[in-house]
PDB file of N, CA and C in Angstrom:
ATOM      1  N   MET A   1     -66.073 166.271 130.334  1.00  0.00           N
ATOM      2  CA  MET A   1     -65.363 167.073 130.903  1.00  0.00           C
ATOM      3  C   MET A   1     -64.840 166.323 131.943  1.00  0.00           C
ATOM      4  N   ILE A   2     -63.173 166.524 132.105  1.00  0.00           N
ATOM      5  CA  ILE A   2     -62.891 166.567 133.564  1.00  0.00           C
ATOM      6  C   ILE A   2     -62.472 166.778 134.581  1.00  0.00           C
ATOM      7  N   THR A   3     -62.541 165.956 135.855  1.00  0.00           N
ATOM      8  CA  THR A   3     -62.370 166.535 137.136  1.00  0.00           C
ATOM      9  C   THR A   3     -62.071 165.809 137.965  1.00  0.00           C
ATOM     10  N   VAL A   4     -61.548 166.222 138.634  1.00  0.00           N
ATOM     11  CA  VAL A   4     -60.046 165.931 139.811  1.00  0.00           C
ATOM     12  C   VAL A   4     -60.154 166.072 141.032  1.00  0.00           C
ATOM     13  N   PHE A   5     -60.253 165.398 141.852  1.00  0.00           N
ATOM     14  CA  PHE A   5     -60.210 165.214 143.263  1.00  0.00           C
ATOM     15  C   PHE A   5     -58.908 164.776 144.502  1.00  0.00           C
ATOM     16  N   TYR A   6     -58.923 165.338 145.609  1.00  0.00           N
ATOM     17  CA  TYR A   6     -57.694 164.451 145.926  1.00  0.00           C
ATOM     18  C   TYR A   6     -58.286 164.650 147.525  1.00  0.00           C
ATOM     19  N   THR A   7     -57.117 164.159 148.316  1.00  0.00           N
ATOM     20  CA  THR A   7     -56.900 164.177 149.608  1.00  0.00           C
ATOM     21  C   THR A   7     -55.248 164.103 150.274  1.00  0.00           C
ATOM     22  N   ASP A   8     -55.270 164.793 150.776  1.00  0.00           N
ATOM     23  CA  ASP A   8     -53.789 165.120 151.607  1.00  0.00           C
ATOM     24  C   ASP A   8     -53.899 164.867 152.992  1.00  0.00           C
ATOM     25  N   TYR A   9     -54.050 163.685 153.541  1.00  0.00           N
ATOM     26  CA  TYR A   9     -54.078 163.774 155.003  1.00  0.00           C
ATOM     27  C   TYR A   9     -53.047 164.396 155.782  1.00  0.00           C
ATOM     28  N   TYR A  10     -51.732 164.733 155.422  1.00  0.00           N
ATOM     29  CA  TYR A  10     -50.929 165.546 155.714  1.00  0.00           C
ATOM     30  C   TYR A  10     -51.105 166.915 155.895  1.00  0.00           C
ATOM     31  N   GLU A  11     -51.434 167.228 155.185  1.00  0.00           N
ATOM     32  CA  GLU A  11     -51.804 168.829 154.999  1.00  0.00           C
ATOM     33  C   GLU A  11     -53.603 169.200 155.419  1.00  0.00           C
ATOM     34  N   HIS A  12     -54.202 168.117 155.244  1.00  0.00           N
ATOM     35  CA  HIS A  12     -55.627 167.841 155.995  1.00  0.00           C
ATOM     36  C   HIS A  12     -56.311 169.228 154.680  1.00  0.00           C
ATOM     37  N   VAL A  13     -56.363 168.627 153.814  1.00  0.00           N
ATOM     38  CA  VAL A  13     -57.127 169.285 152.752  1.00  0.00           C
ATOM     39  C   VAL A  13     -56.849 168.316 151.535  1.00  0.00           C
ATOM     40  N   SER A  14     -58.626 168.477 151.246  1.00  0.00           N
ATOM     41  CA  SER A  14     -59.188 167.516 150.453  1.00  0.00           C
ATOM     42  C   SER A  14     -60.345 168.039 149.862  1.00  0.00           C
ATOM     43  N   GLU A  15     -60.196 168.269 148.159  1.00  0.00           N
ATOM     44  CA  GLU A  15     -61.145 169.026 147.564  1.00  0.00           C
ATOM     45  C   GLU A  15     -61.481 168.248 146.168  1.00  0.00           C
ATOM     46  N   GLU A  16     -63.057 168.205 145.528  1.00  0.00           N
ATOM     47  CA  GLU A  16     -62.986 168.181 144.943  1.00  0.00           C
ATOM     48  C   GLU A  16     -63.675 168.652 143.272  1.00  0.00           C
ATOM     49  N   ASN A  17     -64.514 168.200 142.758  1.00  0.00           N
ATOM     50  CA  ASN A  17     -64.974 168.485 141.377  1.00  0.00           C
ATOM     51  C   ASN A  17     -63.890 169.750 140.729  1.00  0.00           C
ATOM     52  N   LEU A  18     -62.494 169.462 140.537  1.00  0.00           N
ATOM     53  CA  LEU A  18     -61.656 170.627 140.261  1.00  0.00           C
ATOM     54  C   LEU A  18     -61.600 170.557 138.705  1.00  0.00           C
ATOM     55  N   GLU A  19     -61.607 171.472 137.852  1.00  0.00           N
ATOM     56  CA  GLU A  19     -61.452 171.516 136.944  1.00  0.00           C
ATOM     57  C   GLU A  19     -60.218 172.196 136.748  1.00  0.00           C
ATOM     58  N   LEU A  20     -59.305 171.044 135.991  1.00  0.00           N
ATOM     59  CA  LEU A  20     -58.044 171.537 135.973  1.00  0.00           C
ATOM     60  C   LEU A  20     -56.871 170.783 134.453  1.00  0.00           C
ATOM     61  N   THR A  21     -56.088 171.842 134.418  1.00  0.00           N
ATOM     62  CA  THR A  21     -55.883 171.412 133.212  1.00  0.00           C
ATOM     63  C   THR A  21     -54.744 170.328 133.294  1.00  0.00           C
ATOM     64  N   LEU A  22     -54.134 169.352 132.193  1.00  0.00           N
ATOM     65  CA  LEU A  22     -52.945 168.585 132.325  1.00  0.00           C
ATOM     66  C   LEU A  22     -52.278 169.189 133.410  1.00  0.00           C
ATOM     67  N   GLU A  23     -51.283 170.320 132.698  1.00  0.00           N
ATOM     68  CA  GLU A  23     -50.337 170.758 133.902  1.00  0.00           C
ATOM     69  C   GLU A  23     -50.900 170.702 135.431  1.00  0.00           C
ATOM     70  N   GLU A  24     -52.244 171.217 135.986  1.00  0.00           N
ATOM     71  CA  GLU A  24     -52.400 171.733 136.952  1.00  0.00           C
ATOM     72  C   GLU A  24     -52.453 170.045 137.396  1.00  0.00           C
ATOM     73  N   CYS A  25     -53.049 169.782 137.006  1.00  0.00           N
ATOM     74  CA  CYS A  25     -53.588 168.267 137.350  1.00  0.00           C
ATOM     75  C   CYS A  25     -51.973 167.351 137.713  1.00  0.00           C
ATOM     76  N   VAL A  26     -50.922 167.327 137.123  1.00  0.00           N
ATOM     77  CA  VAL A  26     -50.199 166.652 136.845  1.00  0.00           C
ATOM     78  C   VAL A  26     -48.973 167.296 137.867  1.00  0.00           C
ATOM     79  N   GLU A  27     -49.231 168.532 138.126  1.00  0.00           N
ATOM     80  CA  GLU A  27     -49.045 169.106 139.750  1.00  0.00           C
ATOM     81  C   GLU A  27     -48.805 168.765 141.003  1.00  0.00           C
ATOM     82  N   LEU A  28     -50.591 168.328 140.843  1.00  0.00           N
ATOM     83  CA  LEU A  28     -51.425 168.626 142.183  1.00  0.00           C
ATOM     84  C   LEU A  28     -50.928 167.087 142.821  1.00  0.00           C
ATOM     85  N   PHE A  29     -50.818 166.586 141.521  1.00  0.00           N
ATOM     86  CA  PHE A  29     -50.695 164.637 141.545  1.00  0.00           C
ATOM     87  C   PHE A  29     -48.822 164.657 141.935  1.00  0.00           C
ATOM     88  N   ASP A  30     -48.099 165.417 141.373  1.00  0.00           N
ATOM     89  CA  ASP A  30     -46.878 165.652 142.093  1.00  0.00           C
ATOM     90  C   ASP A  30     -46.762 165.635 143.987  1.00  0.00           C
ATOM     91  N   GLU A  31     -47.244 166.673 144.013  1.00  0.00           N
ATOM     92  CA  GLU A  31     -47.520 167.235 144.905  1.00  0.00           C
ATOM     93  C   GLU A  31     -48.311 166.270 146.379  1.00  0.00           C
ATOM     94  N   THR A  32     -49.269 165.736 145.625  1.00  0.00           N
ATOM     95  CA  THR A  32     -49.749 164.917 147.136  1.00  0.00           C
ATOM     96  C   THR A  32     -49.403 163.397 147.138  1.00  0.00           C
ATOM     97  N   ILE A  33     -49.194 162.671 145.551  1.00  0.00           N
ATOM     98  CA  ILE A  33     -49.419 161.104 146.112  1.00  0.00           C
ATOM     99  C   ILE A  33     -48.260 161.102 146.402  1.00  0.00           C
ATOM    100  N   ASN A  34     -47.116 161.892 146.792  1.00  0.00           N
ATOM    101  CA  ASN A  34     -45.459 160.745 147.761  1.00  0.00           C
ATOM    102  C   ASN A  34     -46.143 160.507 149.221  1.00  0.00           C
ATOM    103  N   LEU A  35     -46.799 160.662 149.666  1.00  0.00           N
ATOM    104  CA  LEU A  35     -47.319 160.649 151.011  1.00  0.00           C
ATOM    105  C   LEU A  35     -48.155 159.497 151.474  1.00  0.00           C
ATOM    106  N   VAL A  36     -47.783 158.174 151.932  1.00  0.00           N
ATOM    107  CA  VAL A  36     -48.920 156.936 152.130  1.00  0.00           C
ATOM    108  C   VAL A  36     -50.231 157.961 152.478  1.00  0.00           C
ATOM    109  N   ASP A  37     -50.628 157.313 151.911  1.00  0.00           N
ATOM    110  CA  ASP A  37     -52.638 157.385 152.264  1.00  0.00           C
ATOM    111  C   ASP A  37     -53.150 158.090 151.091  1.00  0.00           C
ATOM    112  N   ASN A  38     -52.015 159.669 151.157  1.00  0.00           N
ATOM    113  CA  ASN A  38     -52.834 160.329 150.288  1.00  0.00           C
ATOM    114  C   ASN A  38     -53.739 159.833 148.528  1.00  0.00           C
ATOM    115  N   PHE A  39     -54.456 160.399 148.650  1.00  0.00           N
ATOM    116  CA  PHE A  39     -55.029 159.796 147.109  1.00  0.00           C
ATOM    117  C   PHE A  39     -55.485 161.072 146.548  1.00  0.00           C
ATOM    118  N   VAL A  40     -55.158 160.740 144.963  1.00  0.00           N
ATOM    119  CA  VAL A  40     -56.056 161.583 143.836  1.00  0.00           C
ATOM    120  C   VAL A  40     -56.441 161.332 142.668  1.00  0.00           C
ATOM    121  N   GLY A  41     -57.979 161.504 142.642  1.00  0.00           N
ATOM    122  CA  GLY A  41     -58.984 160.868 141.688  1.00  0.00           C
ATOM    123  C   GLY A  41     -59.253 161.695 139.957  1.00  0.00           C
ATOM    124  N   ILE A  42     -59.638 160.958 139.724  1.00  0.00           N
ATOM    125  CA  ILE A  42     -59.704 161.577 138.038  1.00  0.00           C
ATOM    126  C   ILE A  42     -61.014 160.888 137.665  1.00  0.00           C
ATOM    127  N   GLN A  43     -62.303 162.317 137.521  1.00  0.00           N
ATOM    128  CA  GLN A  43     -63.250 161.620 136.769  1.00  0.00           C
ATOM    129  C   GLN A  43     -63.998 161.762 135.470  1.00  0.00           C
ATOM    130  N   VAL A  44     -64.072 161.409 134.844  1.00  0.00           N
ATOM    131  CA  VAL A  44     -64.664 161.621 133.221  1.00  0.00           C
ATOM    132  C   VAL A  44     -65.771 161.111 132.799  1.00  0.00           C
ATOM    133  N   GLY A  45     -66.663 162.501 132.872  1.00  0.00           N
ATOM    134  CA  GLY A  45     -67.867 161.515 132.963  1.00  0.00           C
ATOM    135  C   GLY A  45     -68.701 161.318 134.210  1.00  0.00           C
ATOM    136  N   LYS A  46     -68.840 159.866 134.099  1.00  0.00           N
ATOM    137  CA  LYS A  46     -69.266 159.126 135.082  1.00  0.00           C
ATOM    138  C   LYS A  46     -68.503 158.230 136.015  1.00  0.00           C
ATOM    139  N   HIS A  47     -67.365 157.837 135.283  1.00  0.00           N
ATOM    140  CA  HIS A  47     -66.334 157.142 135.186  1.00  0.00           C
ATOM    141  C   HIS A  47     -64.973 157.819 135.867  1.00  0.00           C
ATOM    142  N   THR A  48     -64.575 156.851 136.940  1.00  0.00           N
ATOM    143  CA  THR A  48     -63.181 157.706 138.024  1.00  0.00           C
ATOM    144  C   THR A  48     -62.438 156.608 137.901  1.00  0.00           C
ATOM    145  N   MET A  49     -60.943 157.140 138.244  1.00  0.00           N
ATOM    146  CA  MET A  49     -59.547 156.446 137.857  1.00  0.00           C
ATOM    147  C   MET A  49     -59.162 157.168 139.531  1.00  0.00           C
ATOM    148  N   GLN A  50     -58.326 156.529 140.221  1.00  0.00           N
ATOM    149  CA  GLN A  50     -58.060 156.851 141.550  1.00  0.00           C
ATOM    150  C   GLN A  50     -56.493 156.304 141.894  1.00  0.00           C
ATOM    151  N   PHE A  51     -55.822 157.010 142.005  1.00  0.00           N
ATOM    152  CA  PHE A  51     -54.220 157.087 142.620  1.00  0.00           C
ATOM    153  C   PHE A  51     -54.541 157.191 143.886  1.00  0.00           C
ATOM    154  N   HIS A  52     -53.620 155.619 144.883  1.00  0.00           N
ATOM    155  CA  HIS A  52     -53.482 156.085 146.128  1.00  0.00           C
ATOM    156  C   HIS A  52     -51.942 155.499 146.585  1.00  0.00           C
ATOM    157  N   CYS A  53     -51.160 156.141 147.146  1.00  0.00           N
ATOM    158  CA  CYS A  53     -50.173 155.776 147.666  1.00  0.00           C
ATOM    159  C   CYS A  53     -50.131 154.914 148.441  1.00  0.00           C
ATOM    160  N   ASP A  54     -49.538 154.017 148.074  1.00  0.00           N
ATOM    161  CA  ASP A  54     -49.422 152.378 149.317  1.00  0.00           C
ATOM    162  C   ASP A  54     -47.873 152.432 149.570  1.00  0.00           C
ATOM    163  N   GLU A  55     -47.089 152.778 150.807  1.00  0.00           N
ATOM    164  CA  GLU A  55     -45.729 152.109 150.545  1.00  0.00           C
ATOM    165  C   GLU A  55     -44.857 153.063 149.533  1.00  0.00           C
ATOM    166  N   ASP A  56     -44.445 152.328 148.863  1.00  0.00           N
ATOM    167  CA  ASP A  56     -43.428 152.502 147.783  1.00  0.00           C
ATOM    168  C   ASP A  56     -44.057 152.173 146.730  1.00  0.00           C
ATOM    169  N   ARG A  57     -45.355 152.280 146.594  1.00  0.00           N
ATOM    170  CA  ARG A  57     -46.137 151.987 145.279  1.00  0.00           C
ATOM    171  C   ARG A  57     -46.985 152.708 145.369  1.00  0.00           C
ATOM    172  N   ILE A  58     -47.998 153.014 143.989  1.00  0.00           N
ATOM    173  CA  ILE A  58     -49.068 153.708 143.980  1.00  0.00           C
ATOM    174  C   ILE A  58     -50.585 152.681 143.555  1.00  0.00           C
ATOM    175  N   LEU A  59     -51.247 152.150 143.900  1.00  0.00           N
ATOM    176  CA  LEU A  59     -52.803 151.618 143.516  1.00  0.00           C
ATOM    177  C   LEU A  59     -53.379 152.244 142.493  1.00  0.00           C
ATOM    178  N   VAL A  60     -53.494 152.188 141.280  1.00  0.00           N
ATOM    179  CA  VAL A  60     -53.937 152.700 140.440  1.00  0.00           C
ATOM    180  C   VAL A  60     -55.943 151.706 140.363  1.00  0.00           C
ATOM    181  N   GLU A  61     -56.335 152.513 140.645  1.00  0.00           N
ATOM    182  CA  GLU A  61     -57.265 151.587 140.084  1.00  0.00           C
ATOM    183  C   GLU A  61     -59.361 152.359 139.684  1.00  0.00           C
ATOM    184  N   VAL A  62     -59.631 151.615 139.015  1.00  0.00           N
ATOM    185  CA  VAL A  62     -60.885 152.093 137.931  1.00  0.00           C
ATOM    186  C   VAL A  62     -62.171 151.721 139.131  1.00  0.00           C
ATOM    187  N   ILE A  63     -62.878 152.439 139.982  1.00  0.00           N
ATOM    188  CA  ILE A  63     -63.368 152.844 140.791  1.00  0.00           C
ATOM    189  C   ILE A  63     -65.103 152.079 140.099  1.00  0.00           C
ATOM    190  N   ASN A  64     -66.024 151.437 140.427  1.00  0.00           N
ATOM    191  CA  ASN A  64     -67.178 150.278 140.107  1.00  0.00           C
ATOM    192  C   ASN A  64     -68.132 150.357 141.256  1.00  0.00           C
ATOM    193  N   PRO A  65     -68.719 151.591 141.411  1.00  0.00           N
ATOM    194  CA  PRO A  65     -69.700 151.501 142.569  1.00  0.00           C
ATOM    195  C   PRO A  65     -70.770 150.657 142.897  1.00  0.00           C
ATOM    196  N   SER A  66     -71.299 150.102 141.396  1.00  0.00           N
ATOM    197  CA  SER A  66     -72.486 149.316 141.433  1.00  0.00           C
ATOM    198  C   SER A  66     -72.423 147.669 141.738  1.00  0.00           C
ATOM    199  N   THR A  67     -70.761 147.135 141.970  1.00  0.00           N
ATOM    200  CA  THR A  67     -70.171 146.218 142.157  1.00  0.00           C
ATOM    201  C   THR A  67     -69.239 145.754 143.196  1.00  0.00           C
ATOM    202  N   LEU A  68     -68.561 146.985 143.122  1.00  0.00           N
ATOM    203  CA  LEU A  68     -66.967 147.293 144.071  1.00  0.00           C
ATOM    204  C   LEU A  68     -66.405 146.183 143.564  1.00  0.00           C
ATOM    205  N   ILE A  69     -65.960 145.711 142.582  1.00  0.00           N
ATOM    206  CA  ILE A  69     -65.694 144.843 141.832  1.00  0.00           C
ATOM    207  C   ILE A  69     -64.713 145.762 141.094  1.00  0.00           C
ATOM    208  N   ASN A  70     -63.405 146.571 141.266  1.00  0.00           N
ATOM    209  CA  ASN A  70     -62.519 147.097 140.303  1.00  0.00           C
ATOM    210  C   ASN A  70     -61.100 146.837 139.658  1.00  0.00           C
ATOM    211  N   PRO A  71     -61.181 147.107 138.197  1.00  0.00           N
ATOM    212  CA  PRO A  71     -59.747 146.925 137.666  1.00  0.00           C
ATOM    213  C   PRO A  71     -58.591 147.667 138.661  1.00  0.00           C
ATOM    214  N   GLN A  72     -57.601 146.517 139.494  1.00  0.00           N
ATOM    215  CA  GLN A  72     -56.334 147.589 139.812  1.00  0.00           C
ATOM    216  C   GLN A  72     -55.228 146.728 139.139  1.00  0.00           C
ATOM    217  N   MET A  73     -54.472 147.765 139.938  1.00  0.00           N
ATOM    218  CA  MET A  73     -52.984 147.460 139.331  1.00  0.00           C
ATOM    219  C   MET A  73     -52.192 148.552 140.091  1.00  0.00           C
ATOM    220  N   TYR A  74     -50.953 148.005 140.448  1.00  0.00           N
ATOM    221  CA  TYR A  74     -49.495 148.808 140.898  1.00  0.00           C
ATOM    222  C   TYR A  74     -48.732 149.854 139.219  1.00  0.00           C
ATOM    223  N   ALA A  75     -48.365 150.753 139.531  1.00  0.00           N
ATOM    224  CA  ALA A  75     -47.503 151.361 139.321  1.00  0.00           C
ATOM    225  C   ALA A  75     -46.816 152.772 139.574  1.00  0.00           C
ATOM    226  N   ASP A  76     -45.343 152.848 139.444  1.00  0.00           N
ATOM    227  CA  ASP A  76     -44.351 153.662 139.878  1.00  0.00           C
ATOM    228  C   ASP A  76     -45.180 155.039 139.212  1.00  0.00           C
ATOM    229  N   LYS A  77     -44.908 156.292 139.427  1.00  0.00           N
ATOM    230  CA  LYS A  77     -44.908 157.273 139.479  1.00  0.00           C
ATOM    231  C   LYS A  77     -45.157 158.028 138.018  1.00  0.00           C
ATOM    232  N   ALA A  78     -44.058 157.165 137.735  1.00  0.00           N
ATOM    233  CA  ALA A  78     -44.007 157.585 135.574  1.00  0.00           C
ATOM    234  C   ALA A  78     -44.787 157.348 135.340  1.00  0.00           C
ATOM    235  N   GLN A  79     -45.382 155.590 135.762  1.00  0.00           N
ATOM    236  CA  GLN A  79     -46.587 155.086 134.865  1.00  0.00           C
ATOM    237  C   GLN A  79     -47.698 155.369 135.362  1.00  0.00           C
ATOM    238  N   CYS A  80     -48.226 156.364 136.921  1.00  0.00           N
ATOM    239  CA  CYS A  80     -48.718 157.018 136.244  1.00  0.00           C
ATOM    240  C   CYS A  80     -49.148 158.257 136.149  1.00  0.00           C
ATOM    241  N   LEU A  81     -47.869 159.175 135.755  1.00  0.00           N
ATOM    242  CA  LEU A  81     -48.154 161.114 135.059  1.00  0.00           C
ATOM    243  C   LEU A  81     -49.072 160.218 133.188  1.00  0.00           C
ATOM    244  N   GLU A  82     -48.310 158.772 132.618  1.00  0.00           N
ATOM    245  CA  GLU A  82     -48.484 158.267 132.033  1.00  0.00           C
ATOM    246  C   GLU A  82     -49.574 158.352 131.463  1.00  0.00           C
ATOM    247  N   ILE A  83     -50.656 157.726 132.236  1.00  0.00           N
ATOM    248  CA  ILE A  83     -51.730 157.379 132.287  1.00  0.00           C
ATOM    249  C   ILE A  83     -52.497 158.903 131.956  1.00  0.00           C
ATOM    250  N   ILE A  84     -52.558 159.811 133.055  1.00  0.00           N
ATOM    251  CA  ILE A  84     -52.698 160.799 133.818  1.00  0.00           C
ATOM    252  C   ILE A  84     -53.075 161.710 132.094  1.00  0.00           C
ATOM    253  N   ARG A  85     -51.723 161.402 131.391  1.00  0.00           N
ATOM    254  CA  ARG A  85     -51.680 162.132 130.463  1.00  0.00           C
ATOM    255  C   ARG A  85     -52.470 161.623 129.561  1.00  0.00           C
ATOM    256  N   GLU A  86     -52.896 160.541 129.248  1.00  0.00           N
ATOM    257  CA  GLU A  86     -53.611 159.574 128.028  1.00  0.00           C
ATOM    258  C   GLU A  86     -54.723 160.079 128.422  1.00  0.00           C
ATOM    259  N   ILE A  87     -55.243 159.966 129.734  1.00  0.00           N
ATOM    260  CA  ILE A  87     -56.562 160.596 129.952  1.00  0.00           C
ATOM    261  C   ILE A  87     -57.149 162.062 129.566  1.00  0.00           C
ATOM    262  N   TYR A  88     -56.312 162.912 129.597  1.00  0.00           N
ATOM    263  CA  TYR A  88     -56.317 164.149 129.323  1.00  0.00           C
ATOM    264  C   TYR A  88     -56.409 163.858 127.741  1.00  0.00           C
ATOM    265  N   ASP A  89     -55.739 163.413 126.995  1.00  0.00           N
ATOM    266  CA  ASP A  89     -55.231 163.471 125.484  1.00  0.00           C
ATOM    267  C   ASP A  89     -57.286 162.730 125.103  1.00  0.00           C
ATOM    268  N   LYS A  90     -57.058 161.589 125.738  1.00  0.00           N
ATOM    269  CA  LYS A  90     -58.180 161.163 124.677  1.00  0.00           C
ATOM    270  C   LYS A  90     -59.586 161.555 125.803  1.00  0.00           C
ATOM    271  N   GLN A  91     -59.556 162.439 126.401  1.00  0.00           N
ATOM    272  CA  GLN A  91     -60.722 162.577 127.597  1.00  0.00           C
ATOM    273  C   GLN A  91     -61.714 161.213 127.915  1.00  0.00           C
ATOM    274  N   GLN A  92     -60.686 160.090 128.304  1.00  0.00           N
ATOM    275  CA  GLN A  92     -61.593 159.045 128.726  1.00  0.00           C
ATOM    276  C   GLN A  92     -60.537 158.257 129.127  1.00  0.00           C
ATOM    277  N   LEU A  93     -61.230 157.116 130.410  1.00  0.00           N
ATOM    278  CA  LEU A  93     -60.232 156.379 131.091  1.00  0.00           C
ATOM    279  C   LEU A  93     -60.428 154.737 130.251  1.00  0.00           C
ATOM    280  N   PHE A  94     -59.423 154.477 130.937  1.00  0.00           N
ATOM    281  CA  PHE A  94     -58.825 152.680 130.105  1.00  0.00           C
ATOM    282  C   PHE A  94     -58.669 151.855 131.626  1.00  0.00           C
ATOM    283  N   VAL A  95     -59.193 151.139 131.226  1.00  0.00           N
ATOM    284  CA  VAL A  95     -58.673 149.554 131.997  1.00  0.00           C
ATOM    285  C   VAL A  95     -58.055 148.926 131.313  1.00  0.00           C
ATOM    286  N   TYR A  96     -56.805 148.889 131.783  1.00  0.00           N
ATOM    287  CA  TYR A  96     -55.284 148.483 131.199  1.00  0.00           C
ATOM    288  C   TYR A  96     -55.171 146.812 131.241  1.00  0.00           C
ATOM    289  N   PRO A  97     -54.100 146.502 130.448  1.00  0.00           N
ATOM    290  CA  PRO A  97     -54.481 144.583 130.319  1.00  0.00           C
ATOM    291  C   PRO A  97     -53.871 144.253 131.307  1.00  0.00           C
ATOM    292  N   GLN A  98     -52.780 144.698 132.369  1.00  0.00           N
ATOM    293  CA  GLN A  98     -52.303 144.149 133.505  1.00  0.00           C
ATOM    294  C   GLN A  98     -53.064 144.798 134.599  1.00  0.00           C
ATOM    295  N   MET A  99     -54.334 145.090 134.473  1.00  0.00           N
ATOM    296  CA  MET A  99     -54.868 145.467 135.691  1.00  0.00           C
ATOM    297  C   MET A  99     -55.634 144.133 135.935  1.00  0.00           C
ATOM    298  N   LYS A 100     -55.861 143.835 137.373  1.00  0.00           N
ATOM    299  CA  LYS A 100     -56.797 142.682 137.987  1.00  0.00           C
ATOM    300  C   LYS A 100     -57.999 143.300 138.518  1.00  0.00           C
ATOM    301  N   LEU A 101     -58.964 142.209 138.424  1.00  0.00           N
ATOM    302  CA  LEU A 101     -60.480 142.666 138.939  1.00  0.00           C
ATOM    303  C   LEU A 101     -60.197 142.138 140.446  1.00  0.00           C
ATOM    304  N   VAL A 102     -60.465 143.285 141.191  1.00  0.00           N
ATOM    305  CA  VAL A 102     -60.083 142.909 142.930  1.00  0.00           C
ATOM    306  C   VAL A 102     -61.709 143.193 143.355  1.00  0.00           C
ATOM    307  N   ASP A 103     -62.643 142.279 143.860  1.00  0.00           N
ATOM    308  CA  ASP A 103     -63.528 142.692 145.259  1.00  0.00           C
ATOM    309  C   ASP A 103     -63.708 143.146 146.267  1.00  0.00           C
ATOM    310  N   VAL A 104     -63.098 143.938 146.071  1.00  0.00           N
ATOM    311  CA  VAL A 104     -62.595 145.187 147.044  1.00  0.00           C
ATOM    312  C   VAL A 104     -63.537 145.168 148.659  1.00  0.00           C
ATOM    313  N   GLN A 105     -64.438 144.832 148.252  1.00  0.00           N
ATOM    314  CA  GLN A 105     -65.136 144.267 149.750  1.00  0.00           C
ATOM    315  C   GLN A 105     -64.721 143.462 150.439  1.00  0.00           C
ATOM    316  N   LYS A 106     -63.790 142.303 149.816  1.00  0.00           N
ATOM    317  CA  LYS A 106     -63.309 141.175 150.456  1.00  0.00           C
ATOM    318  C   LYS A 106     -62.041 140.880 150.080  1.00  0.00           C
ATOM    319  N   GLU A 107     -61.030 141.413 149.536  1.00  0.00           N
ATOM    320  CA  GLU A 107     -59.772 141.064 148.732  1.00  0.00           C
ATOM    321  C   GLU A 107     -59.097 142.348 148.912  1.00  0.00           C
ATOM    322  N   SER A 108     -57.389 142.237 148.205  1.00  0.00           N
ATOM    323  CA  SER A 108     -56.645 143.573 148.461  1.00  0.00           C
ATOM    324  C   SER A 108     -56.077 143.164 146.869  1.00  0.00           C
ATOM    325  N   LEU A 109     -55.636 143.819 146.345  1.00  0.00           N
ATOM    326  CA  LEU A 109     -54.885 143.805 144.575  1.00  0.00           C
ATOM    327  C   LEU A 109     -53.688 142.722 145.394  1.00  0.00           C
ATOM    328  N   ASP A 110     -53.294 142.441 146.504  1.00  0.00           N
ATOM    329  CA  ASP A 110     -52.208 141.935 146.959  1.00  0.00           C
ATOM    330  C   ASP A 110     -52.423 139.970 146.785  1.00  0.00           C
ATOM    331  N   ASP A 111     -54.254 140.003 147.441  1.00  0.00           N
ATOM    332  CA  ASP A 111     -54.346 138.767 147.745  1.00  0.00           C
ATOM    333  C   ASP A 111     -54.580 138.170 146.056  1.00  0.00           C
ATOM    334  N   VAL A 112     -55.485 139.006 145.282  1.00  0.00           N
ATOM    335  CA  VAL A 112     -54.899 138.236 143.822  1.00  0.00           C
ATOM    336  C   VAL A 112     -53.971 138.183 143.261  1.00  0.00           C
ATOM    337  N   LEU A 113     -53.338 139.063 143.595  1.00  0.00           N
ATOM    338  CA  LEU A 113     -51.863 138.344 142.714  1.00  0.00           C
ATOM    339  C   LEU A 113     -51.275 137.250 143.595  1.00  0.00           C
ATOM    340  N   GLU A 114     -50.814 137.402 144.861  1.00  0.00           N
ATOM    341  CA  GLU A 114     -50.560 135.544 145.419  1.00  0.00           C
ATOM    342  C   GLU A 114     -51.233 134.584 145.000  1.00  0.00           C
ATOM    343  N   ARG A 115     -52.289 135.168 144.523  1.00  0.00           N
ATOM    344  CA  ARG A 115     -52.890 133.454 144.408  1.00  0.00           C
ATOM    345  C   ARG A 115     -53.053 133.196 143.014  1.00  0.00           C
ATOM    346  N   GLY A 116     -52.874 134.520 141.718  1.00  0.00           N
ATOM    347  CA  GLY A 116     -52.277 134.286 140.648  1.00  0.00           C
ATOM    348  C   GLY A 116     -53.235 134.307 139.334  1.00  0.00           C
ATOM    349  N   ASP A 117     -54.876 135.010 139.900  1.00  0.00           N
ATOM    350  CA  ASP A 117     -55.877 135.289 139.403  1.00  0.00           C
ATOM    351  C   ASP A 117     -55.607 135.663 138.391  1.00  0.00           C
ATOM    352  N   GLN A 118     -56.512 135.649 137.176  1.00  0.00           N
ATOM    353  CA  GLN A 118     -56.960 136.207 135.790  1.00  0.00           C
ATOM    354  C   GLN A 118     -55.550 136.212 134.792  1.00  0.00           C
TER     355      GLN A 118
END
């Protein structure tokens, strides 16, 4: 089962465990992701992918709570919508080849990209 959560800091709204259709998820993403720090997450079973608005780009991250080493990448809105469609179509999350492993307790994706790791 797919559930969705989001936080919109500008509207002071946060919800979780939403069972949305693809169309509803796309609409929520479209309305929420344009403002800095807002985020939308999608859970499939025990796996979570989060989309976080970061200035002029979106951080896409597969959450790994056991190690806090998360696969991450930057994407534009169109790429994120494709990922969301793929999640709904296949009913699972994916780690994409362009994702980098980031120890989120120690560094950011920008740090990893600057070093040229992986």
